[in-house]
Every structure is written in C-alpha cells, then in structure tokens.
C-alpha cells in the first residue's frame, strides 16, 4: 500500500493507485461505495475479489490513460 492510516483498533484506511480501501469489522469497502462480497477466489491468472459496485476511473485517470489532458 502507498499510504495507510490506522483509525482505531477496528478500522484502517489504505490508499493505492487512486483507490482507497476501508478495512473494518463489517468488511472491506473500496472508494466508500463498493463492498467486497467474496474474497480470495482462485482464477487461472491470479486471485479475484467480487465487489457489489462498478468502479469507474476518475476523469483525470481516464484522461491520463488515453493520453489526453
């Protein structure tokens, strides 16, 4: 993780590559919306985590990928 903050004994916030993860007693949330519903599912090319929301890149990140400003 690029940055992590321990809020208390039951909750962490981690930030990496434009995403922030909240790890708490009621599960893991990505960017405050997507909840990890199933974790650590084996696939042929790695591990998969199932989330309940579509993550859409920010306008800045999307522009950087396309090479536009």
Protein backbone atom coordinates (compact mmCIF):
# COMPACT_ATOMS: atom_id res chain seq x y z
CA UNK A 1 0.00 0.00 0.00
CA UNK A 2 1.18 3.51 -0.71
CA UNK A 3 -0.38 5.00 2.44
CA UNK A 4 -2.23 3.52 5.37
CA UNK A 5 -3.81 5.06 8.45
CA UNK A 6 -4.95 3.16 11.50
CA UNK A 7 -8.04 4.95 12.81
CA UNK A 8 -8.62 2.71 15.81
CA UNK A 9 -8.29 -0.96 16.73
CA UNK A 10 -11.11 -1.94 14.36
CA UNK A 11 -10.64 0.24 11.27
CA UNK A 12 -7.90 1.01 8.72
CA UNK A 13 -7.81 3.22 5.63
CA UNK A 14 -5.37 2.30 2.86
CA UNK A 15 -4.69 4.26 -0.33
CA UNK A 16 -3.14 2.87 -3.50
CA UNK A 17 -3.22 3.86 -7.19
CA UNK A 18 -6.14 6.25 -6.82
CA UNK A 19 -8.27 3.83 -4.77
CA UNK A 20 -8.84 3.93 -1.06
CA UNK A 21 -9.80 0.90 0.96
CA UNK A 22 -11.57 0.97 4.31
CA UNK A 23 -10.99 -2.21 6.29
CA UNK A 24 -13.29 -2.61 9.27
CA UNK A 25 -15.31 -5.05 11.28
CA UNK A 26 -18.11 -5.09 8.68
CA UNK A 27 -15.83 -5.86 5.73
CA UNK A 28 -13.77 -4.08 3.12
CA UNK A 29 -15.04 -1.11 1.10
CA UNK A 30 -13.37 0.40 -1.96
CA UNK A 31 -13.75 4.17 -2.52
CA UNK A 32 -16.55 4.25 0.05
CA UNK A 33 -19.05 2.51 -2.25
CA UNK A 34 -18.02 -0.95 -3.42
CA UNK A 35 -18.20 -3.66 -0.76
CA UNK A 36 -16.10 -6.79 -1.19
CA UNK A 37 -18.70 -9.56 -1.08
CA UNK A 38 -16.40 -12.50 -1.81
CA UNK A 39 -12.61 -12.53 -1.48
CA UNK A 40 -9.71 -14.73 -2.49
CA UNK A 41 -11.35 -16.67 -5.32
CA UNK A 42 -8.69 -18.60 -7.25
CA UNK A 43 -8.52 -17.99 -11.00
CA UNK A 44 -6.12 -19.24 -13.65
CA UNK A 45 -4.25 -15.93 -13.71
CA UNK A 46 -4.43 -14.93 -10.03
CA UNK A 47 -6.91 -14.11 -7.27
CA UNK A 48 -10.32 -12.46 -7.75
CA UNK A 49 -12.36 -10.38 -5.30
CA UNK A 50 -16.07 -9.86 -6.04
CA UNK A 51 -17.49 -6.39 -5.35
CA UNK A 52 -21.07 -5.12 -5.43
CA UNK A 53 -20.46 -1.88 -7.35
CA UNK A 54 -18.84 -0.88 -10.63
CA UNK A 55 -15.68 1.16 -10.15
CA UNK A 56 -15.32 3.94 -12.73
CA UNK A 57 -11.96 5.71 -13.06
CA UNK A 58 -11.82 9.40 -12.30
CA UNK A 59 -11.77 11.81 -15.22
CA UNK A 60 -8.11 12.62 -14.51
CA UNK A 61 -7.04 8.96 -14.51
CA UNK A 62 -9.12 8.19 -17.60
CA UNK A 63 -7.55 11.14 -19.47
CA UNK A 64 -4.07 10.03 -18.46
CA UNK A 65 -4.72 6.52 -19.80
CA UNK A 66 -5.92 7.94 -23.13
CA UNK A 67 -3.05 10.44 -23.25
CA UNK A 68 -5.33 13.50 -23.23
CA UNK A 69 -5.49 16.44 -20.86
